[in-house]
């Protein structure tokens, strides 16, 4: 759409005056208010009939103008939330880190910017766009991270999330200024999350020469306090990516960066500990634990790399939790020729296999309910299994010893009504008595290893002793987020290749 340059008003240096005081009643976070301070807006004409559209049939919110209306009594907080968030959502009280980018009448689209998650949520998105989007949407499960009421409107079939990475949002608002990047700009673990989001998104940056995926961000790395070797286009791109990854690890004394994507294909010649920055895509549920689950420690005084870090190999200290001796995969009920009963029997067989396996594990107290692992078995069929139509089957799979499986029509329909299933996860058991979930690339014989400063990984042993390739991050019941504390005398050298 065409928009006249004069229709856009830019913020003065330092941001829009009085905006914080005017919008105080909205109870938004300081980060949201800071963003609104620096946004450009579309000028509001004297005659609403001449008002410019931000998109077809869509009016964008002019928060500096709306804020003034609240302060001078021209409108109220309730009305402002109603016209910006819509009648269906504003009663559910979107969290303080969510702000609408639109404001208008009953039929005006509702675009909600989530500063914390780095996404734009399009409520009641038209089906033509929802099912054929021009950019890749997020395939997530709001029940994983949001309170029930919030998850309900996020998960509605008519809604859609689009990724707007936090790092891109900051840099676009600040222009060439990198003041947003230093650690003091963020609260809590915000700096770590910011950096990892940036590094993860390198894979989706467009570059004629692969080297520029890293070289174009040199000023950003410098603002983070990370010094990289001078640009050299004579080097192979794989070497450039390796040097950037190693520089980040040495600077932060943390291994988080090696798990922000699945590892590159071995045929690429890249070490498995270097992110796969050449393959565009999204991580989705493939990585099991999200960026927000990373160890938030920012700096460490203890070196985490060993002297064997050289020649494309990364020497680290870690502990082998166990070796995968069995993997159980939820059956994909995709065969249209299968009857409901036949499809259901396949699922029941997987549940019985799971229950037999979990009963033989030695690392968990009798009666312990490993809910996350149990839910993973049926998760491909629903985002919130325990509270869905599959709840009865889920509880039977965990505790139904000696009883017949439920066979009601509601459960049958829940399994077979949607045949497009997510197939990324498998459940594994270890020879040491532990269990967990991981990407389906894992296989029997792989090790589950806990490296210093990182949650578990699936590692595949190589021909040389102590050498491994990364397969994928893993969730291991009883070994997450510091649950399994390893003493130094329990650690051994792990060489990642």
Protein backbone atom coordinates (compact mmCIF):
# COMPACT_ATOMS: atom_id res chain seq x y z
CA UNK A 1 0.00 0.00 0.00
CA UNK A 2 1.12 3.56 -0.65
CA UNK A 3 1.54 5.88 2.32
CA UNK A 4 2.48 9.52 1.89
CA UNK A 5 5.66 10.46 3.70
CA UNK A 6 3.87 13.36 5.37
CA UNK A 7 1.42 10.91 6.96
CA UNK A 8 4.20 9.49 9.14
CA UNK A 9 5.31 11.39 12.24
CA UNK A 10 8.69 10.58 13.75
CA UNK A 11 9.45 10.83 17.49
CA UNK A 12 11.62 13.74 18.62
CA UNK A 13 15.08 13.03 19.98
CA UNK A 14 14.64 11.35 23.32
CA UNK A 15 11.19 10.02 22.47
CA UNK A 16 7.63 11.28 22.77
CA UNK A 17 7.27 13.64 25.76
CA UNK A 18 4.91 12.76 28.65
CA UNK A 19 4.03 9.41 27.10
CA UNK A 20 5.00 7.44 30.22
CA UNK A 21 2.77 9.49 32.50
CA UNK A 22 -0.11 9.43 30.02
CA UNK A 23 -0.07 5.65 29.66
CA UNK A 24 0.64 4.80 33.28
CA UNK A 25 -2.94 3.63 33.79
CA UNK A 26 -2.46 0.82 31.25
CA UNK A 27 -0.12 -0.96 33.71
CA UNK A 28 2.42 -1.95 31.05
CA UNK A 29 6.07 -2.82 31.68
CA UNK A 30 8.81 -0.21 31.44
CA UNK A 31 10.13 -2.06 28.38
CA UNK A 32 6.78 -1.64 26.60
CA UNK A 33 6.58 2.06 27.46
CA UNK A 34 10.20 2.55 26.32
CA UNK A 35 9.32 0.98 22.98
CA UNK A 36 6.25 3.22 22.51
CA UNK A 37 8.48 6.22 23.27
CA UNK A 38 10.46 5.62 20.08
CA UNK A 39 7.87 4.33 17.62
CA UNK A 40 6.86 6.45 14.63
CA UNK A 41 3.10 6.83 14.18
CA UNK A 42 0.61 7.64 11.41
CA UNK A 43 -0.65 11.19 11.64
CA UNK A 44 -4.31 11.56 12.62
CA UNK A 45 -6.08 14.03 10.26
CA UNK A 46 -8.80 16.43 11.33
CA UNK A 47 -11.34 14.43 9.32
CA UNK A 48 -11.37 10.70 10.14
CA UNK A 49 -12.47 9.97 6.58
CA UNK A 50 -8.97 10.95 5.47
CA UNK A 51 -7.23 8.71 8.02
CA UNK A 52 -4.52 6.54 6.43
CA UNK A 53 -4.70 2.76 6.69
CA UNK A 54 -1.69 0.91 8.07
CA UNK A 55 -2.91 -2.17 6.15
CA UNK A 56 -6.11 -2.82 4.19
CA UNK A 57 -9.01 -1.98 6.51
CA UNK A 58 -6.64 -1.55 9.44
CA UNK A 59 -5.83 1.48 11.58
CA UNK A 60 -2.59 1.42 13.56
CA UNK A 61 -2.47 2.80 17.10
CA UNK A 62 -0.97 6.25 17.64
CA UNK A 63 0.00 5.83 21.27
CA UNK A 64 1.37 9.33 21.76
CA UNK A 65 -2.04 10.69 20.67
CA UNK A 66 -4.04 8.08 22.59
CA UNK A 67 -2.01 8.75 25.70
CA UNK A 68 -2.82 12.46 25.52
CA UNK A 69 -6.54 11.62 25.22
CA UNK A 70 -6.38 9.67 28.48
CA UNK A 71 -4.57 12.46 30.36
CA UNK A 72 -6.95 15.24 29.24
CA UNK A 73 -10.09 13.20 29.89
CA UNK A 74 -10.93 12.59 26.24
CA UNK A 75 -11.16 8.85 26.87
CA UNK A 76 -10.73 6.31 29.66
CA UNK A 77 -8.40 3.43 30.29
CA UNK A 78 -11.23 0.94 29.75
CA UNK A 79 -12.26 2.43 26.41
CA UNK A 80 -8.64 2.63 25.27
CA UNK A 81 -8.08 -1.06 26.05
CA UNK A 82 -11.36 -1.95 24.34
CA UNK A 83 -10.56 -0.20 21.04
CA UNK A 84 -6.98 -1.48 20.97
CA UNK A 85 -7.32 -5.05 22.27
CA UNK A 86 -10.85 -5.85 21.09
CA UNK A 87 -13.90 -6.83 23.11
CA UNK A 88 -13.00 -10.54 23.27
CA UNK A 89 -9.49 -10.12 24.68
CA UNK A 90 -9.41 -7.04 26.90
CA UNK A 91 -11.60 -8.70 29.54
CA UNK A 92 -8.98 -11.45 29.85
CA UNK A 93 -6.38 -8.83 30.82
CA UNK A 94 -3.43 -9.40 28.45
CA UNK A 95 -0.18 -9.42 30.47
CA UNK A 96 1.80 -6.19 31.05
CA UNK A 97 4.41 -7.14 28.41
CA UNK A 98 1.76 -7.23 25.64
CA UNK A 99 0.65 -4.06 23.81
CA UNK A 100 -1.65 -3.61 20.81
CA UNK A 101 -0.25 -2.10 17.62
CA UNK A 102 -3.76 -1.29 16.35
CA UNK A 103 -6.73 0.75 17.56
CA UNK A 104 -10.06 1.25 15.87
CA UNK A 105 -13.66 0.10 15.67
CA UNK A 106 -15.30 -3.26 16.09
CA UNK A 107 -13.95 -4.68 12.84
CA UNK A 108 -10.41 -3.30 13.10
CA UNK A 109 -7.77 -6.10 13.20
CA UNK A 110 -6.06 -6.71 16.53
CA UNK A 111 -2.25 -7.06 16.37
CA UNK A 112 -0.72 -7.69 19.81
CA UNK A 113 3.03 -7.21 20.22
CA UNK A 114 4.48 -9.48 22.90
CA UNK A 115 7.77 -7.94 24.05
CA UNK A 116 8.67 -10.93 26.22
CA UNK A 117 8.18 -13.62 23.57
CA UNK A 118 9.18 -11.47 20.60
CA UNK A 119 6.05 -12.20 18.55
CA UNK A 120 3.11 -10.36 17.02
CA UNK A 121 -0.17 -12.15 17.77
CA UNK A 122 -2.91 -11.60 15.17
CA UNK A 123 -6.18 -12.29 16.94
CA UNK A 124 -8.97 -13.59 14.69
CA UNK A 125 -6.59 -13.81 11.75
CA UNK A 126 -8.45 -14.46 8.44
CA UNK A 127 -8.25 -18.07 7.32
CA UNK A 128 -6.76 -17.07 3.93
CA UNK A 129 -3.73 -15.66 5.77
CA UNK A 130 -3.68 -18.14 8.63
CA UNK A 131 -3.34 -21.16 6.36
CA UNK A 132 -1.26 -19.53 3.60
CA UNK A 133 0.93 -16.95 5.40
CA UNK A 134 3.57 -15.00 3.51
CA UNK A 135 6.10 -15.60 6.29
CA UNK A 136 6.60 -18.59 8.54
CA UNK A 137 4.26 -18.57 11.53
CA UNK A 138 5.00 -20.00 14.97
CA UNK A 139 3.75 -23.51 15.63
CA UNK A 140 3.73 -23.42 19.42
CA UNK A 141 1.53 -24.53 22.30
CA UNK A 142 0.42 -21.57 24.47
CA UNK A 143 -0.55 -23.95 27.26
CA UNK A 144 3.19 -24.65 27.68
CA UNK A 145 4.01 -21.14 28.83
CA UNK A 146 0.87 -19.07 29.49
CA UNK A 147 -1.75 -19.11 32.27
CA UNK A 148 -4.94 -20.93 31.28
CA UNK A 149 -7.05 -17.82 30.51
CA UNK A 150 -4.28 -16.27 28.43
CA UNK A 151 -3.55 -19.56 26.68
CA UNK A 152 -7.18 -19.83 25.59
CA UNK A 153 -7.14 -16.71 23.41
CA UNK A 154 -3.60 -17.37 22.19
CA UNK A 155 -4.58 -20.90 21.11
CA UNK A 156 -7.80 -20.06 19.32
CA UNK A 157 -7.99 -21.52 15.80
CA UNK A 158 -8.54 -18.04 14.37
CA UNK A 159 -5.34 -16.61 15.85
CA UNK A 160 -1.77 -16.61 14.56
CA UNK A 161 1.65 -15.68 15.93
CA UNK A 162 4.37 -14.24 13.70
CA UNK A 163 7.96 -13.96 14.86
CA UNK A 164 9.37 -10.49 15.40
CA UNK A 165 12.73 -11.22 17.08
CA UNK A 166 13.52 -9.00 20.03
CA UNK A 167 16.96 -8.17 18.66
CA UNK A 168 15.48 -7.06 15.33
CA UNK A 169 12.86 -4.97 17.11
CA UNK A 170 15.49 -3.14 19.16
CA UNK A 171 17.84 -2.51 16.28
CA UNK A 172 15.04 -1.28 13.99
CA UNK A 173 13.88 1.16 16.63
CA UNK A 174 17.36 2.38 17.55
CA UNK A 175 18.64 2.66 14.00
CA UNK A 176 22.40 2.68 13.98
CA UNK A 177 22.57 3.20 17.74
CA UNK A 178 23.54 0.10 19.68
CA UNK A 179 22.71 1.53 23.09
CA UNK A 180 20.01 -1.11 23.50
CA UNK A 181 22.50 -3.95 23.57
CA UNK A 182 24.66 -3.59 26.72
CA UNK A 183 23.74 -5.81 29.63
CA UNK A 184 22.42 -2.95 31.76
CA UNK A 185 19.59 -2.42 29.27
CA UNK A 186 17.87 -5.65 30.35
CA UNK A 187 16.33 -7.04 33.50
CA UNK A 188 17.16 -10.48 34.90
CA UNK A 189 18.30 -12.87 32.16
CA UNK A 190 17.09 -10.53 29.41
CA UNK A 191 20.62 -10.01 28.06
CA UNK A 192 21.25 -13.74 27.67
CA UNK A 193 17.92 -14.24 25.94
CA UNK A 194 18.55 -11.26 23.67
CA UNK A 195 21.91 -12.62 22.56
CA UNK A 196 20.67 -16.15 21.99
CA UNK A 197 17.67 -14.94 19.99
CA UNK A 198 20.03 -12.91 17.83
CA UNK A 199 22.41 -15.81 17.31
CA UNK A 200 19.57 -18.22 16.56
CA UNK A 201 18.10 -15.89 13.95
CA UNK A 202 21.36 -15.71 11.96
CA UNK A 203 20.13 -18.80 10.09
CA UNK A 204 17.25 -16.80 8.58
CA UNK A 205 19.29 -13.77 7.54
CA UNK A 206 19.59 -13.34 3.79
CA UNK A 207 23.12 -12.97 2.48
CA UNK A 208 24.58 -13.29 -1.01
CA UNK A 209 27.81 -14.51 0.58
CA UNK A 210 27.37 -16.83 3.56
CA UNK A 211 30.19 -15.09 5.47
CA UNK A 212 28.02 -11.97 5.78
CA UNK A 213 25.56 -13.74 8.05
CA UNK A 214 28.24 -13.18 10.70
CA UNK A 215 30.26 -10.27 9.29
CA UNK A 216 27.18 -8.05 8.97
CA UNK A 217 26.72 -8.29 12.74
CA UNK A 218 30.27 -7.43 13.74
CA UNK A 219 29.24 -4.11 15.28
CA UNK A 220 26.59 -5.91 17.31
CA UNK A 221 29.11 -8.46 18.57
CA UNK A 222 31.48 -5.64 19.51
CA UNK A 223 28.71 -3.89 21.44
CA UNK A 224 28.26 -7.15 23.34
CA UNK A 225 31.95 -7.09 24.20
CA UNK A 226 32.80 -9.99 21.87
CA UNK A 227 35.83 -9.53 19.64
CA UNK A 228 35.94 -11.62 16.48
CA UNK A 229 38.81 -12.16 14.05
CA UNK A 230 39.06 -9.59 11.25
CA UNK A 231 36.75 -10.37 8.29
CA UNK A 232 38.41 -12.62 5.76
CA UNK A 233 36.37 -13.72 2.76
CA UNK A 234 39.19 -16.05 1.78
CA UNK A 235 38.22 -18.35 4.64
CA UNK A 236 35.60 -21.03 4.23
CA UNK A 237 32.21 -19.96 5.66
CA UNK A 238 32.22 -23.01 7.95
CA UNK A 239 35.46 -21.72 9.51
CA UNK A 240 33.98 -18.23 9.96
CA UNK A 241 30.97 -19.70 11.79
CA UNK A 242 33.26 -21.86 13.92
CA UNK A 243 35.38 -18.87 14.96
CA UNK A 244 32.29 -16.78 15.84
CA UNK A 245 30.83 -19.60 17.96
CA UNK A 246 34.10 -20.18 19.80
CA UNK A 247 34.53 -16.45 20.44
CA UNK A 248 31.07 -16.29 22.00
CA UNK A 249 31.71 -19.33 24.22
CA UNK A 250 35.05 -17.92 25.44
CA UNK A 251 33.50 -14.52 26.10
CA UNK A 252 30.48 -15.77 28.02
CA UNK A 253 32.00 -18.93 29.55
CA UNK A 254 28.72 -20.63 28.72
CA UNK A 255 27.77 -23.32 26.20
CA UNK A 256 24.21 -22.15 25.46
CA UNK A 257 25.05 -21.18 21.88
CA UNK A 258 25.79 -24.76 20.83
CA UNK A 259 22.14 -25.73 21.39
CA UNK A 260 20.23 -22.89 19.70
CA UNK A 261 19.63 -24.97 16.54
CA UNK A 262 19.82 -28.62 15.67
CA UNK A 263 23.39 -29.45 14.57
CA UNK A 264 24.43 -29.08 10.91
CA UNK A 265 24.40 -32.12 8.65
CA UNK A 266 27.72 -34.03 8.93
CA UNK A 267 28.16 -33.71 5.15
CA UNK A 268 28.49 -29.91 5.54
CA UNK A 269 31.92 -30.33 7.08
CA UNK A 270 30.88 -28.22 10.07
CA UNK A 271 31.50 -29.37 13.65
CA UNK A 272 28.31 -30.41 15.41
CA UNK A 273 28.84 -27.78 18.15
CA UNK A 274 28.55 -24.92 15.64
CA UNK A 275 24.93 -23.75 15.06
CA UNK A 276 23.42 -24.63 11.69
CA UNK A 277 23.36 -21.07 10.35
CA UNK A 278 23.19 -22.15 6.68
CA UNK A 279 19.78 -23.85 6.91
CA UNK A 280 16.83 -21.44 7.27
CA UNK A 281 14.00 -22.49 9.54
CA UNK A 282 12.55 -22.41 13.01
CA UNK A 283 13.34 -24.61 15.96
CA UNK A 284 9.70 -25.21 16.95
CA UNK A 285 9.37 -28.09 19.36
CA UNK A 286 12.44 -29.89 18.02
CA UNK A 287 14.72 -28.58 20.73
CA UNK A 288 12.57 -29.75 23.69
CA UNK A 289 13.65 -26.93 26.00
CA UNK A 290 13.37 -23.30 24.92
CA UNK A 291 15.72 -20.33 25.21
CA UNK A 292 13.94 -19.32 28.43
CA UNK A 293 15.06 -22.63 29.96
CA UNK A 294 18.77 -21.96 29.44
CA UNK A 295 20.98 -21.47 32.45
CA UNK A 296 20.69 -17.72 33.07
CA UNK A 297 24.18 -17.33 34.52
CA UNK A 298 25.85 -14.69 32.41
CA UNK A 299 29.53 -14.75 33.29
CA UNK A 300 31.55 -17.50 34.95
CA UNK A 301 34.99 -17.23 36.47
CA UNK A 302 35.66 -20.91 35.79
CA UNK A 303 36.92 -21.79 32.29
CA UNK A 304 34.62 -24.37 30.70
CA UNK A 305 36.86 -25.37 27.76
CA UNK A 306 39.74 -27.82 28.01
CA UNK A 307 43.12 -27.75 26.30
CA UNK A 308 41.78 -30.08 23.60
CA UNK A 309 39.77 -27.22 22.09
CA UNK A 310 41.54 -26.94 18.75
CA UNK A 311 41.32 -28.07 15.15
CA UNK A 312 37.52 -27.95 14.97
CA UNK A 313 37.08 -29.84 18.24
CA UNK A 314 35.55 -28.46 21.44
CA UNK A 315 36.86 -29.92 24.68
CA UNK A 316 34.42 -29.57 27.60
CA UNK A 317 33.73 -31.23 30.94
CA UNK A 318 30.59 -33.23 31.44
CA UNK A 319 28.85 -36.24 32.92
CA UNK A 320 27.29 -39.14 31.00
CA UNK A 321 23.84 -39.74 32.49
CA UNK A 322 23.27 -42.94 30.56
CA UNK A 323 22.95 -44.67 27.19
CA UNK A 324 19.66 -44.89 25.31
CA UNK A 325 18.48 -48.51 25.36
CA UNK A 326 14.95 -47.94 24.09
CA UNK A 327 12.99 -45.29 22.20
CA UNK A 328 9.21 -45.17 22.04
CA UNK A 329 7.50 -43.15 19.37
CA UNK A 330 3.87 -42.14 19.38
CA UNK A 331 2.26 -43.83 16.36
CA UNK A 332 1.36 -41.49 13.52
CA UNK A 333 -2.26 -42.17 12.73
CA UNK A 334 -1.95 -41.01 9.13
CA UNK A 335 -3.11 -44.07 7.23
CA UNK A 336 -6.56 -43.12 5.98
CA UNK A 337 -7.31 -46.82 5.41
CA UNK A 338 -7.08 -47.54 9.14
CA UNK A 339 -10.36 -47.70 10.96
CA UNK A 340 -10.80 -45.73 14.18
CA UNK A 341 -10.46 -48.95 16.15
CA UNK A 342 -7.25 -49.99 14.37
CA UNK A 343 -5.70 -46.54 14.85
CA UNK A 344 -6.67 -46.54 18.49
CA UNK A 345 -5.11 -49.97 19.05
CA UNK A 346 -1.78 -48.64 17.75
CA UNK A 347 -1.91 -45.84 20.30
CA UNK A 348 -2.86 -48.25 23.10
CA UNK A 349 0.12 -50.47 22.18
CA UNK A 350 2.47 -47.49 22.49
CA UNK A 351 0.92 -46.61 25.87
CA UNK A 352 1.40 -50.18 27.12
CA UNK A 353 4.99 -50.15 25.87
CA UNK A 354 5.58 -46.87 27.70
CA UNK A 355 3.98 -48.11 30.94
CA UNK A 356 6.01 -51.32 30.92
CA UNK A 357 9.21 -49.35 30.33
CA UNK A 358 8.56 -46.75 33.04
CA UNK A 359 7.72 -49.43 35.61
CA UNK A 360 11.17 -50.96 35.17
CA UNK A 361 13.11 -47.72 35.67
CA UNK A 362 15.17 -47.57 38.85
CA UNK A 363 15.84 -43.86 39.27
CA UNK A 364 12.36 -42.77 40.29
CA UNK A 365 10.41 -43.34 43.48
CA UNK A 366 7.48 -45.77 43.27
CA UNK A 367 4.35 -43.91 42.27
CA UNK A 368 6.30 -40.93 40.93
CA UNK A 369 4.38 -39.28 38.11
CA UNK A 370 6.83 -37.98 35.47
CA UNK A 371 4.12 -35.78 33.97
CA UNK A 372 6.21 -34.09 31.32
CA UNK A 373 7.43 -37.38 29.94
CA UNK A 374 4.04 -39.04 30.18
CA UNK A 375 2.43 -36.13 28.42
CA UNK A 376 5.06 -36.27 25.67
CA UNK A 377 3.75 -39.69 24.64
CA UNK A 378 0.38 -38.25 23.63
CA UNK A 379 1.45 -34.69 22.96
CA UNK A 380 1.37 -34.99 19.15
CA UNK A 381 -2.41 -35.31 19.41
CA UNK A 382 -3.05 -32.25 21.57
CA UNK A 383 -1.19 -29.29 23.12
CA UNK A 384 -2.65 -29.78 26.61
CA UNK A 385 -3.20 -33.52 26.95
CA UNK A 386 -4.23 -33.84 30.64
CA UNK A 387 -7.06 -31.33 30.25
CA UNK A 388 -8.20 -32.47 26.80
CA UNK A 389 -10.46 -35.24 25.56
CA UNK A 390 -7.38 -37.45 25.92
CA UNK A 391 -7.19 -36.88 29.67
CA UNK A 392 -8.73 -40.27 30.52
CA UNK A 393 -6.31 -42.09 28.24
CA UNK A 394 -3.38 -40.09 29.65
CA UNK A 395 -4.22 -40.99 33.24
CA UNK A 396 -4.68 -44.63 32.28
CA UNK A 397 -1.30 -44.68 30.53
CA UNK A 398 0.35 -43.50 33.75
CA UNK A 399 -1.62 -45.28 36.46
CA UNK A 400 -3.99 -47.82 34.89
CA UNK A 401 -2.26 -51.02 35.99
CA UNK A 402 -4.53 -54.03 35.65
CA UNK A 403 -7.40 -52.12 34.08
CA UNK A 404 -8.70 -52.06 30.53
CA UNK A 405 -7.90 -49.01 28.38
CA UNK A 406 -10.70 -46.46 27.93
CA UNK A 407 -12.60 -47.00 24.68
CA UNK A 408 -15.18 -44.25 24.65
CA UNK A 409 -16.01 -42.48 21.40
CA UNK A 410 -14.73 -39.13 22.71
CA UNK A 411 -11.20 -40.50 23.07
CA UNK A 412 -11.35 -42.20 19.68
CA UNK A 413 -12.42 -38.97 17.99
CA UNK A 414 -9.71 -36.94 19.72
CA UNK A 415 -7.00 -39.20 18.25
CA UNK A 416 -8.37 -39.58 14.74
CA UNK A 417 -10.05 -36.25 14.02
CA UNK A 418 -6.73 -34.52 13.26
CA UNK A 419 -4.33 -36.69 11.30
CA UNK A 420 -1.67 -34.02 10.75
CA UNK A 421 0.52 -34.75 13.75
CA UNK A 422 3.77 -33.33 15.02
CA UNK A 423 6.30 -36.14 14.87
CA UNK A 424 9.42 -34.56 16.30
CA UNK A 425 9.57 -36.27 19.68
CA UNK A 426 10.32 -39.73 21.00
CA UNK A 427 10.50 -41.02 24.55
CA UNK A 428 13.70 -42.77 25.57
CA UNK A 429 14.83 -44.88 28.50
CA UNK A 430 18.44 -45.14 29.62
CA UNK A 431 20.46 -48.11 30.81
CA UNK A 432 20.99 -46.23 34.07
CA UNK A 433 17.26 -46.09 34.89
CA UNK A 434 16.42 -42.59 33.70
CA UNK A 435 13.92 -41.56 31.01
CA UNK A 436 13.19 -38.50 28.93
CA UNK A 437 12.27 -37.09 25.52
CA UNK A 438 14.33 -35.93 22.56
CA UNK A 439 14.20 -35.23 18.83
CA UNK A 440 13.43 -38.34 16.78
CA UNK A 441 16.98 -38.26 15.33
CA UNK A 442 18.22 -39.95 18.51
CA UNK A 443 18.74 -43.71 18.43
CA UNK A 444 19.61 -46.62 20.68
CA UNK A 445 23.28 -46.42 21.68
CA UNK A 446 23.37 -42.61 21.88
CA UNK A 447 24.46 -41.09 25.21
CA UNK A 448 22.56 -38.50 27.24
CA UNK A 449 25.20 -36.16 28.60
CA UNK A 450 25.08 -33.24 31.00
CA UNK A 451 27.70 -30.65 30.04
CA UNK A 452 28.85 -27.88 32.33
CA UNK A 453 26.48 -24.84 32.15
CA UNK A 454 23.98 -26.62 29.89
CA UNK A 455 20.91 -28.85 30.08
CA UNK A 456 21.23 -32.42 28.70
CA UNK A 457 22.22 -33.23 25.12
CA UNK A 458 21.98 -36.36 23.00
CA UNK A 459 25.55 -37.20 21.93
CA UNK A 460 26.58 -39.89 19.45
CA UNK A 461 29.90 -41.67 20.25
CA UNK A 462 32.52 -41.55 17.50
CA UNK A 463 35.32 -43.98 16.70
CA UNK A 464 37.88 -42.16 18.86
CA UNK A 465 37.57 -42.38 22.63
CA UNK A 466 35.73 -39.49 24.34
CA UNK A 467 34.71 -37.95 21.00
CA UNK A 468 31.04 -37.27 20.24
CA UNK A 469 28.78 -35.50 17.75
CA UNK A 470 25.78 -33.56 19.02
CA UNK A 471 22.43 -35.04 17.88
CA UNK A 472 19.95 -32.78 19.70
CA UNK A 473 19.10 -31.28 23.08
CA UNK A 474 17.14 -33.61 25.36
CA UNK A 475 14.76 -33.50 28.30
CA UNK A 476 15.85 -35.98 30.96
CA UNK A 477 13.59 -36.42 33.98
CA UNK A 478 15.60 -35.57 37.11
CA UNK A 479 18.52 -33.92 35.30
CA UNK A 480 17.10 -30.52 34.24
CA UNK A 481 18.08 -27.03 35.40
CA UNK A 482 20.52 -28.12 38.06
CA UNK A 483 18.47 -31.03 39.47
CA UNK A 484 21.49 -33.29 38.98
CA UNK A 485 24.45 -31.54 40.58
CA UNK A 486 27.75 -33.02 39.48
CA UNK A 487 30.87 -32.71 41.57
CA UNK A 488 34.14 -32.05 39.78
CA UNK A 489 35.39 -35.57 40.51
CA UNK A 490 32.35 -36.96 38.63
CA UNK A 491 33.12 -35.02 35.45
CA UNK A 492 35.05 -36.35 32.49
CA UNK A 493 36.36 -34.73 29.33
CA UNK A 494 33.93 -34.75 26.42
CA UNK A 495 35.33 -33.77 23.03
CA UNK A 496 32.68 -32.50 20.63
CA UNK A 497 33.49 -32.90 16.93
